[in-house]
PDB file of N, CA and C in Angstrom:
ATOM      1  N   MET A   1      57.362 -11.136 -37.313  1.00  0.00           N
ATOM      2  CA  MET A   1      57.150 -12.503 -37.723  1.00  0.00           C
ATOM      3  C   MET A   1      58.418 -13.337 -37.563  1.00  0.00           C
ATOM      4  N   ASN A   2      59.572 -12.736 -37.907  1.00  0.00           N
ATOM      5  CA  ASN A   2      60.827 -13.487 -37.826  1.00  0.00           C
ATOM      6  C   ASN A   2      61.169 -13.867 -36.397  1.00  0.00           C
ATOM      7  N   LEU A   3      60.713 -13.087 -35.440  1.00  0.00           N
ATOM      8  CA  LEU A   3      61.001 -13.399 -34.044  1.00  0.00           C
ATOM      9  C   LEU A   3      60.089 -14.496 -33.501  1.00  0.00           C
ATOM     10  N   LEU A   4      58.926 -14.673 -34.092  1.00  0.00           N
ATOM     11  CA  LEU A   4      57.976 -15.661 -33.585  1.00  0.00           C
ATOM     12  C   LEU A   4      58.171 -17.053 -34.177  1.00  0.00           C
ATOM     13  N   ILE A   5      58.717 -17.152 -35.357  1.00  0.00           N
ATOM     14  CA  ILE A   5      58.830 -18.453 -36.027  1.00  0.00           C
ATOM     15  C   ILE A   5      59.729 -19.437 -35.270  1.00  0.00           C
ATOM     16  N   PRO A   6      60.936 -19.069 -34.797  1.00  0.00           N
ATOM     17  CA  PRO A   6      61.751 -20.060 -34.068  1.00  0.00           C
ATOM     18  C   PRO A   6      61.085 -20.611 -32.807  1.00  0.00           C
ATOM     19  N   PRO A   7      60.485 -19.769 -31.926  1.00  0.00           N
ATOM     20  CA  PRO A   7      59.834 -20.371 -30.748  1.00  0.00           C
ATOM     21  C   PRO A   7      58.646 -21.267 -31.112  1.00  0.00           C
ATOM     22  N   ILE A   8      57.895 -20.894 -32.137  1.00  0.00           N
ATOM     23  CA  ILE A   8      56.762 -21.724 -32.545  1.00  0.00           C
ATOM     24  C   ILE A   8      57.252 -23.067 -33.079  1.00  0.00           C
ATOM     25  N   SER A   9      58.292 -23.050 -33.919  1.00  0.00           N
ATOM     26  CA  SER A   9      58.792 -24.312 -34.469  1.00  0.00           C
ATOM     27  C   SER A   9      59.412 -25.186 -33.381  1.00  0.00           C
ATOM     28  N   LEU A  10      60.078 -24.582 -32.394  1.00  0.00           N
ATOM     29  CA  LEU A  10      60.639 -25.372 -31.295  1.00  0.00           C
ATOM     30  C   LEU A  10      59.552 -25.964 -30.417  1.00  0.00           C
ATOM     31  N   SER A  11      58.446 -25.253 -30.250  1.00  0.00           N
ATOM     32  CA  SER A  11      57.368 -25.779 -29.421  1.00  0.00           C
ATOM     33  C   SER A  11      56.663 -26.951 -30.108  1.00  0.00           C
ATOM     34  N   MET A  12      56.723 -27.026 -31.426  1.00  0.00           N
ATOM     35  CA  MET A  12      56.066 -28.111 -32.159  1.00  0.00           C
ATOM     36  C   MET A  12      56.878 -29.401 -32.157  1.00  0.00           C
ATOM     37  N   ILE A  13      58.166 -29.310 -31.859  1.00  0.00           N
ATOM     38  CA  ILE A  13      59.018 -30.501 -31.822  1.00  0.00           C
ATOM     39  C   ILE A  13      58.833 -31.180 -30.468  1.00  0.00           C
ATOM     40  N   SER A  14      58.689 -32.495 -30.482  1.00  0.00           N
ATOM     41  CA  SER A  14      58.537 -33.218 -29.220  1.00  0.00           C
ATOM     42  C   SER A  14      59.876 -33.251 -28.487  1.00  0.00           C
ATOM     43  N   LYS A  15      59.803 -33.380 -27.167  1.00  0.00           N
ATOM     44  CA  LYS A  15      61.025 -33.352 -26.359  1.00  0.00           C
ATOM     45  C   LYS A  15      61.914 -34.564 -26.620  1.00  0.00           C
ATOM     46  N   SER A  16      61.331 -35.707 -26.876  1.00  0.00           N
ATOM     47  CA  SER A  16      62.150 -36.905 -27.111  1.00  0.00           C
ATOM     48  C   SER A  16      62.938 -36.793 -28.415  1.00  0.00           C
ATOM     49  N   SER A  17      62.298 -36.251 -29.472  1.00  0.00           N
ATOM     50  CA  SER A  17      63.030 -36.101 -30.734  1.00  0.00           C
ATOM     51  C   SER A  17      64.085 -35.013 -30.624  1.00  0.00           C
ATOM     52  N   MET A  18      63.826 -33.983 -29.815  1.00  0.00           N
ATOM     53  CA  MET A  18      64.820 -32.925 -29.630  1.00  0.00           C
ATOM     54  C   MET A  18      66.030 -33.466 -28.882  1.00  0.00           C
ATOM     55  N   ASN A  19      65.807 -34.330 -27.883  1.00  0.00           N
ATOM     56  CA  ASN A  19      66.928 -34.927 -27.152  1.00  0.00           C
ATOM     57  C   ASN A  19      67.781 -35.795 -28.075  1.00  0.00           C
ATOM     58  N   LYS A  20      67.144 -36.520 -28.993  1.00  0.00           N
ATOM     59  CA  LYS A  20      67.901 -37.336 -29.935  1.00  0.00           C
ATOM     60  C   LYS A  20      68.742 -36.468 -30.858  1.00  0.00           C
ATOM     61  N   MET A  21      68.182 -35.343 -31.307  1.00  0.00           N
ATOM     62  CA  MET A  21      68.920 -34.465 -32.218  1.00  0.00           C
ATOM     63  C   MET A  21      70.101 -33.804 -31.524  1.00  0.00           C
ATOM     64  N   ILE A  22      69.929 -33.462 -30.265  1.00  0.00           N
ATOM     65  CA  ILE A  22      70.972 -32.724 -29.548  1.00  0.00           C
ATOM     66  C   ILE A  22      72.024 -33.649 -28.960  1.00  0.00           C
ATOM     67  N   SER A  23      71.616 -34.791 -28.405  1.00  0.00           N
ATOM     68  CA  SER A  23      72.551 -35.609 -27.637  1.00  0.00           C
ATOM     69  C   SER A  23      73.488 -36.459 -28.488  1.00  0.00           C
ATOM     70  N   THR A  24      73.037 -36.979 -29.615  1.00  0.00           N
ATOM     71  CA  THR A  24      73.895 -37.870 -30.395  1.00  0.00           C
ATOM     72  C   THR A  24      74.356 -37.190 -31.681  1.00  0.00           C
ATOM     73  N   PRO A  25      75.657 -37.205 -31.930  1.00  0.00           N
ATOM     74  CA  PRO A  25      76.149 -36.615 -33.183  1.00  0.00           C
ATOM     75  C   PRO A  25      75.863 -37.528 -34.376  1.00  0.00           C
ATOM     76  N   SER A  26      75.708 -36.932 -35.515  1.00  0.00           N
ATOM     77  CA  SER A  26      75.461 -37.713 -36.728  1.00  0.00           C
ATOM     78  C   SER A  26      76.779 -38.290 -37.246  1.00  0.00           C
ATOM     79  N   GLU A  27      76.683 -39.125 -38.280  1.00  0.00           N
ATOM     80  CA  GLU A  27      77.889 -39.710 -38.877  1.00  0.00           C
ATOM     81  C   GLU A  27      78.782 -38.627 -39.459  1.00  0.00           C
ATOM     82  N   THR A  28      78.166 -37.624 -40.061  1.00  0.00           N
ATOM     83  CA  THR A  28      78.935 -36.527 -40.642  1.00  0.00           C
ATOM     84  C   THR A  28      79.695 -35.768 -39.566  1.00  0.00           C
ATOM     85  N   ASP A  29      79.044 -35.518 -38.422  1.00  0.00           N
ATOM     86  CA  ASP A  29      79.714 -34.819 -37.325  1.00  0.00           C
ATOM     87  C   ASP A  29      80.905 -35.618 -36.808  1.00  0.00           C
ATOM     88  N   ARG A  30      80.721 -36.926 -36.671  1.00  0.00           N
ATOM     89  CA  ARG A  30      81.838 -37.756 -36.199  1.00  0.00           C
ATOM     90  C   ARG A  30      82.985 -37.778 -37.202  1.00  0.00           C
ATOM     91  N   PHE A  31      82.662 -37.851 -38.482  1.00  0.00           N
ATOM     92  CA  PHE A  31      83.694 -37.849 -39.525  1.00  0.00           C
ATOM     93  C   PHE A  31      84.477 -36.542 -39.510  1.00  0.00           C
ATOM     94  N   LEU A  32      83.752 -35.411 -39.416  1.00  0.00           N
ATOM     95  CA  LEU A  32      84.431 -34.116 -39.427  1.00  0.00           C
ATOM     96  C   LEU A  32      85.235 -33.881 -38.159  1.00  0.00           C
ATOM     97  N   SER A  33      84.777 -34.405 -37.036  1.00  0.00           N
ATOM     98  CA  SER A  33      85.532 -34.216 -35.798  1.00  0.00           C
ATOM     99  C   SER A  33      86.858 -34.963 -35.822  1.00  0.00           C
ATOM    100  N   LYS A  34      86.919 -36.080 -36.556  1.00  0.00           N
ATOM    101  CA  LYS A  34      88.176 -36.813 -36.664  1.00  0.00           C
ATOM    102  C   LYS A  34      89.153 -36.118 -37.607  1.00  0.00           C
ATOM    103  N   ARG A  35      88.631 -35.396 -38.575  1.00  0.00           N
ATOM    104  CA  ARG A  35      89.500 -34.736 -39.557  1.00  0.00           C
ATOM    105  C   ARG A  35      90.104 -33.440 -39.033  1.00  0.00           C
ATOM    106  N   GLY A  36      89.380 -32.714 -38.229  1.00  0.00           N
ATOM    107  CA  GLY A  36      89.827 -31.390 -37.809  1.00  0.00           C
ATOM    108  C   GLY A  36      90.870 -31.430 -36.716  1.00  0.00           C
ATOM    109  N   LYS A  37      91.746 -30.430 -36.719  1.00  0.00           N
ATOM    110  CA  LYS A  37      92.714 -30.263 -35.643  1.00  0.00           C
ATOM    111  C   LYS A  37      93.147 -28.805 -35.627  1.00  0.00           C
ATOM    112  N   ASN A  38      93.621 -28.359 -34.512  1.00  0.00           N
ATOM    113  CA  ASN A  38      94.100 -26.980 -34.400  1.00  0.00           C
ATOM    114  C   ASN A  38      95.465 -26.869 -35.056  1.00  0.00           C
ATOM    115  N   CYS A  39      95.645 -25.804 -35.831  1.00  0.00           N
ATOM    116  CA  CYS A  39      96.942 -25.577 -36.442  1.00  0.00           C
ATOM    117  C   CYS A  39      97.196 -24.078 -36.506  1.00  0.00           C
ATOM    118  N   GLY A  40      98.440 -23.709 -36.611  1.00  0.00           N
ATOM    119  CA  GLY A  40      98.824 -22.314 -36.679  1.00  0.00           C
ATOM    120  C   GLY A  40      98.672 -21.757 -38.087  1.00  0.00           C
ATOM    121  N   PHE A  41      98.934 -20.465 -38.220  1.00  0.00           N
ATOM    122  CA  PHE A  41      98.778 -19.801 -39.508  1.00  0.00           C
ATOM    123  C   PHE A  41      99.757 -20.340 -40.545  1.00  0.00           C
ATOM    124  N   LYS A  42     100.991 -20.594 -40.130  1.00  0.00           N
ATOM    125  CA  LYS A  42     101.994 -21.113 -41.072  1.00  0.00           C
ATOM    126  C   LYS A  42     101.599 -22.490 -41.598  1.00  0.00           C
ATOM    127  N   GLU A  43     101.045 -23.326 -40.720  1.00  0.00           N
ATOM    128  CA  GLU A  43     100.596 -24.642 -41.158  1.00  0.00           C
ATOM    129  C   GLU A  43      99.375 -24.523 -42.070  1.00  0.00           C
ATOM    130  N   ALA A  44      98.502 -23.568 -41.756  1.00  0.00           N
ATOM    131  CA  ALA A  44      97.276 -23.412 -42.546  1.00  0.00           C
ATOM    132  C   ALA A  44      97.588 -22.947 -43.970  1.00  0.00           C
ATOM    133  N   THR A  45      98.610 -22.098 -44.115  1.00  0.00           N
ATOM    134  CA  THR A  45      98.943 -21.601 -45.457  1.00  0.00           C
ATOM    135  C   THR A  45      99.507 -22.698 -46.361  1.00  0.00           C
ATOM    136  N   LYS A  46      99.921 -23.785 -45.784  1.00  0.00           N
ATOM    137  CA  LYS A  46     100.438 -24.897 -46.585  1.00  0.00           C
ATOM    138  C   LYS A  46      99.333 -25.815 -47.088  1.00  0.00           C
ATOM    139  N   LYS A  47      98.093 -25.613 -46.588  1.00  0.00           N
ATOM    140  CA  LYS A  47      96.992 -26.495 -46.959  1.00  0.00           C
ATOM    141  C   LYS A  47      96.190 -25.916 -48.121  1.00  0.00           C
ATOM    142  N   ARG A  48      95.709 -26.804 -48.944  1.00  0.00           N
ATOM    143  CA  ARG A  48      94.936 -26.406 -50.117  1.00  0.00           C
ATOM    144  C   ARG A  48      93.596 -25.770 -49.726  1.00  0.00           C
ATOM    145  N   GLU A  49      92.972 -26.244 -48.648  1.00  0.00           N
ATOM    146  CA  GLU A  49      91.679 -25.729 -48.228  1.00  0.00           C
ATOM    147  C   GLU A  49      91.738 -24.255 -47.874  1.00  0.00           C
ATOM    148  N   PHE A  50      92.857 -23.828 -47.265  1.00  0.00           N
ATOM    149  CA  PHE A  50      93.017 -22.423 -46.895  1.00  0.00           C
ATOM    150  C   PHE A  50      92.989 -21.541 -48.137  1.00  0.00           C
ATOM    151  N   TRP A  51      93.707 -21.922 -49.160  1.00  0.00           N
ATOM    152  CA  TRP A  51      93.776 -21.102 -50.370  1.00  0.00           C
ATOM    153  C   TRP A  51      92.471 -21.142 -51.147  1.00  0.00           C
ATOM    154  N   LEU A  52      91.800 -22.283 -51.132  1.00  0.00           N
ATOM    155  CA  LEU A  52      90.499 -22.375 -51.780  1.00  0.00           C
ATOM    156  C   LEU A  52      89.485 -21.466 -51.085  1.00  0.00           C
ATOM    157  N   PHE A  53      89.486 -21.480 -49.750  1.00  0.00           N
ATOM    158  CA  PHE A  53      88.602 -20.598 -48.998  1.00  0.00           C
ATOM    159  C   PHE A  53      88.921 -19.140 -49.278  1.00  0.00           C
ATOM    160  N   LEU A  54      90.199 -18.777 -49.292  1.00  0.00           N
ATOM    161  CA  LEU A  54      90.601 -17.399 -49.547  1.00  0.00           C
ATOM    162  C   LEU A  54      90.188 -16.945 -50.939  1.00  0.00           C
ATOM    163  N   PHE A  55      90.363 -17.812 -51.927  1.00  0.00           N
ATOM    164  CA  PHE A  55      89.989 -17.501 -53.299  1.00  0.00           C
ATOM    165  C   PHE A  55      88.468 -17.318 -53.422  1.00  0.00           C
ATOM    166  N   THR A  56      87.704 -18.235 -52.829  1.00  0.00           N
ATOM    167  CA  THR A  56      86.242 -18.141 -52.873  1.00  0.00           C
ATOM    168  C   THR A  56      85.749 -16.899 -52.151  1.00  0.00           C
ATOM    169  N   PHE A  57      86.317 -16.604 -51.002  1.00  0.00           N
ATOM    170  CA  PHE A  57      85.930 -15.421 -50.228  1.00  0.00           C
ATOM    171  C   PHE A  57      86.220 -14.147 -51.012  1.00  0.00           C
ATOM    172  N   SER A  58      87.356 -14.084 -51.696  1.00  0.00           N
ATOM    173  CA  SER A  58      87.690 -12.879 -52.460  1.00  0.00           C
ATOM    174  C   SER A  58      86.750 -12.701 -53.648  1.00  0.00           C
ATOM    175  N   ILE A  59      86.322 -13.791 -54.273  1.00  0.00           N
ATOM    176  CA  ILE A  59      85.367 -13.690 -55.377  1.00  0.00           C
ATOM    177  C   ILE A  59      84.032 -13.164 -54.871  1.00  0.00           C
ATOM    178  N   ILE A  60      83.561 -13.668 -53.743  1.00  0.00           N
ATOM    179  CA  ILE A  60      82.275 -13.230 -53.198  1.00  0.00           C
ATOM    180  C   ILE A  60      82.331 -11.757 -52.813  1.00  0.00           C
ATOM    181  N   ILE A  61      83.406 -11.319 -52.174  1.00  0.00           N
ATOM    182  CA  ILE A  61      83.549  -9.909 -51.799  1.00  0.00           C
ATOM    183  C   ILE A  61      83.635  -9.052 -53.053  1.00  0.00           C
ATOM    184  N   GLY A  62      84.352  -9.510 -54.077  1.00  0.00           N
ATOM    185  CA  GLY A  62      84.450  -8.756 -55.322  1.00  0.00           C
ATOM    186  C   GLY A  62      83.108  -8.584 -55.998  1.00  0.00           C
ATOM    187  N   ILE A  63      82.299  -9.633 -56.014  1.00  0.00           N
ATOM    188  CA  ILE A  63      80.966  -9.533 -56.615  1.00  0.00           C
ATOM    189  C   ILE A  63      80.100  -8.565 -55.835  1.00  0.00           C
ATOM    190  N   ALA A  64      80.161  -8.634 -54.523  1.00  0.00           N
ATOM    191  CA  ALA A  64      79.354  -7.733 -53.694  1.00  0.00           C
ATOM    192  C   ALA A  64      79.760  -6.282 -53.908  1.00  0.00           C
ATOM    193  N   ARG A  65      81.045  -6.018 -53.998  1.00  0.00           N
ATOM    194  CA  ARG A  65      81.499  -4.640 -54.221  1.00  0.00           C
ATOM    195  C   ARG A  65      81.135  -4.153 -55.619  1.00  0.00           C
ATOM    196  N   MET A  66      81.213  -5.028 -56.608  1.00  0.00           N
ATOM    197  CA  MET A  66      80.854  -4.648 -57.970  1.00  0.00           C
ATOM    198  C   MET A  66      79.367  -4.297 -58.053  1.00  0.00           C
ATOM    199  N   VAL A  67      78.519  -5.078 -57.420  1.00  0.00           N
ATOM    200  CA  VAL A  67      77.089  -4.785 -57.423  1.00  0.00           C
ATOM    201  C   VAL A  67      76.827  -3.485 -56.685  1.00  0.00           C
ATOM    202  N   ASP A  68      77.543  -3.242 -55.593  1.00  0.00           N
ATOM    203  CA  ASP A  68      77.365  -1.999 -54.847  1.00  0.00           C
ATOM    204  C   ASP A  68      77.780  -0.789 -55.675  1.00  0.00           C
ATOM    205  N   GLU A  69      78.896  -0.895 -56.397  1.00  0.00           N
ATOM    206  CA  GLU A  69      79.356   0.221 -57.228  1.00  0.00           C
ATOM    207  C   GLU A  69      78.406   0.499 -58.385  1.00  0.00           C
ATOM    208  N   ASN A  70      77.833  -0.552 -58.944  1.00  0.00           N
ATOM    209  CA  ASN A  70      76.979  -0.408 -60.116  1.00  0.00           C
ATOM    210  C   ASN A  70      75.503  -0.342 -59.773  1.00  0.00           C
ATOM    211  N   ALA A  71      75.169  -0.149 -58.520  1.00  0.00           N
ATOM    212  CA  ALA A  71      73.760  -0.145 -58.130  1.00  0.00           C
ATOM    213  C   ALA A  71      73.000   0.988 -58.801  1.00  0.00           C
ATOM    214  N   THR A  72      73.620   2.151 -58.947  1.00  0.00           N
ATOM    215  CA  THR A  72      72.911   3.253 -59.606  1.00  0.00           C
ATOM    216  C   THR A  72      72.737   2.984 -61.091  1.00  0.00           C
ATOM    217  N   ILE A  73      73.711   2.326 -61.715  1.00  0.00           N
ATOM    218  CA  ILE A  73      73.592   1.987 -63.125  1.00  0.00           C
ATOM    219  C   ILE A  73      72.532   0.911 -63.316  1.00  0.00           C
ATOM    220  N   ILE A  74      72.510  -0.060 -62.403  1.00  0.00           N
ATOM    221  CA  ILE A  74      71.508  -1.118 -62.487  1.00  0.00           C
ATOM    222  C   ILE A  74      70.108  -0.529 -62.315  1.00  0.00           C
ATOM    223  N   ALA A  75      69.992   0.461 -61.461  1.00  0.00           N
ATOM    224  CA  ALA A  75      68.698   1.095 -61.212  1.00  0.00           C
ATOM    225  C   ALA A  75      68.363   2.139 -62.273  1.00  0.00           C
ATOM    226  N   LEU A  76      69.203   2.271 -63.282  1.00  0.00           N
ATOM    227  CA  LEU A  76      69.050   3.188 -64.414  1.00  0.00           C
ATOM    228  C   LEU A  76      69.173   4.659 -64.029  1.00  0.00           C
ATOM    229  N   HIS A  77      69.336   4.979 -62.827  1.00  0.00           N
ATOM    230  CA  HIS A  77      69.612   6.323 -62.306  1.00  0.00           C
ATOM    231  C   HIS A  77      69.005   7.428 -63.190  1.00  0.00           C
ATOM    232  N   ASN A  78      67.753   7.291 -63.502  1.00  0.00           N
ATOM    233  CA  ASN A  78      67.057   8.255 -64.336  1.00  0.00           C
ATOM    234  C   ASN A  78      65.911   8.824 -63.510  1.00  0.00           C
ATOM    235  N   SER A  79      66.063  10.062 -63.061  1.00  0.00           N
ATOM    236  CA  SER A  79      65.076  10.645 -62.157  1.00  0.00           C
ATOM    237  C   SER A  79      63.738  10.870 -62.839  1.00  0.00           C
ATOM    238  N   ASN A  80      63.733  11.126 -64.178  1.00  0.00           N
ATOM    239  CA  ASN A  80      62.468  11.313 -64.876  1.00  0.00           C
ATOM    240  C   ASN A  80      61.636  10.035 -64.876  1.00  0.00           C
ATOM    241  N   LYS A  81      62.288   8.904 -65.160  1.00  0.00           N
ATOM    242  CA  LYS A  81      61.572   7.633 -65.149  1.00  0.00           C
ATOM    243  C   LYS A  81      61.124   7.284 -63.740  1.00  0.00           C
ATOM    244  N   ALA A  82      61.951   7.586 -62.757  1.00  0.00           N
ATOM    245  CA  ALA A  82      61.581   7.285 -61.373  1.00  0.00           C
ATOM    246  C   ALA A  82      60.375   8.088 -60.950  1.00  0.00           C
ATOM    247  N   SER A  83      60.325   9.367 -61.331  1.00  0.00           N
ATOM    248  CA  SER A  83      59.160  10.185 -60.948  1.00  0.00           C
ATOM    249  C   SER A  83      57.917   9.741 -61.686  1.00  0.00           C
ATOM    250  N   ASN A  84      58.035   9.298 -62.957  1.00  0.00           N
ATOM    251  CA  ASN A  84      56.900   8.778 -63.691  1.00  0.00           C
ATOM    252  C   ASN A  84      56.360   7.493 -63.081  1.00  0.00           C
ATOM    253  N   ASN A  85      57.268   6.635 -62.618  1.00  0.00           N
ATOM    254  CA  ASN A  85      56.827   5.386 -61.996  1.00  0.00           C
ATOM    255  C   ASN A  85      56.104   5.635 -60.679  1.00  0.00           C
ATOM    256  N   GLN A  86      56.520   6.652 -59.952  1.00  0.00           N
ATOM    257  CA  GLN A  86      55.848   6.956 -58.696  1.00  0.00           C
ATOM    258  C   GLN A  86      54.435   7.462 -58.943  1.00  0.00           C
ATOM    259  N   ARG A  87      54.221   8.176 -60.011  1.00  0.00           N
ATOM    260  CA  ARG A  87      52.897   8.723 -60.311  1.00  0.00           C
ATOM    261  C   ARG A  87      51.912   7.616 -60.707  1.00  0.00           C
ATOM    262  N   THR A  88      52.408   6.592 -61.397  1.00  0.00           N
ATOM    263  CA  THR A  88      51.508   5.555 -61.887  1.00  0.00           C
ATOM    264  C   THR A  88      51.046   4.633 -60.761  1.00  0.00           C
ATOM    265  N   PHE A  89      51.821   4.504 -59.708  1.00  0.00           N
ATOM    266  CA  PHE A  89      51.406   3.617 -58.628  1.00  0.00           C
ATOM    267  C   PHE A  89      50.486   4.378 -57.772  1.00  0.00           C
TER     268      PHE A  89
END
């Protein structure tokens, strides 16, 4: 199903509206293109956005690892209850 949805949705869009979406950038795209520039690692470490991204990324990775470590505890890791649940279904 996941492989069929994108081609079906693209076939439902008219060609003229697709050309408008692809050919002209939005106001947000133009604003962001004026703000961005290439910079080296030393320059990036001086910017607040770099540290905010690093902090957010580390929190997300920490949460994912914590859930992975505690997955057996979350699942109650009780084989008797698991076997009972399988019998009832």
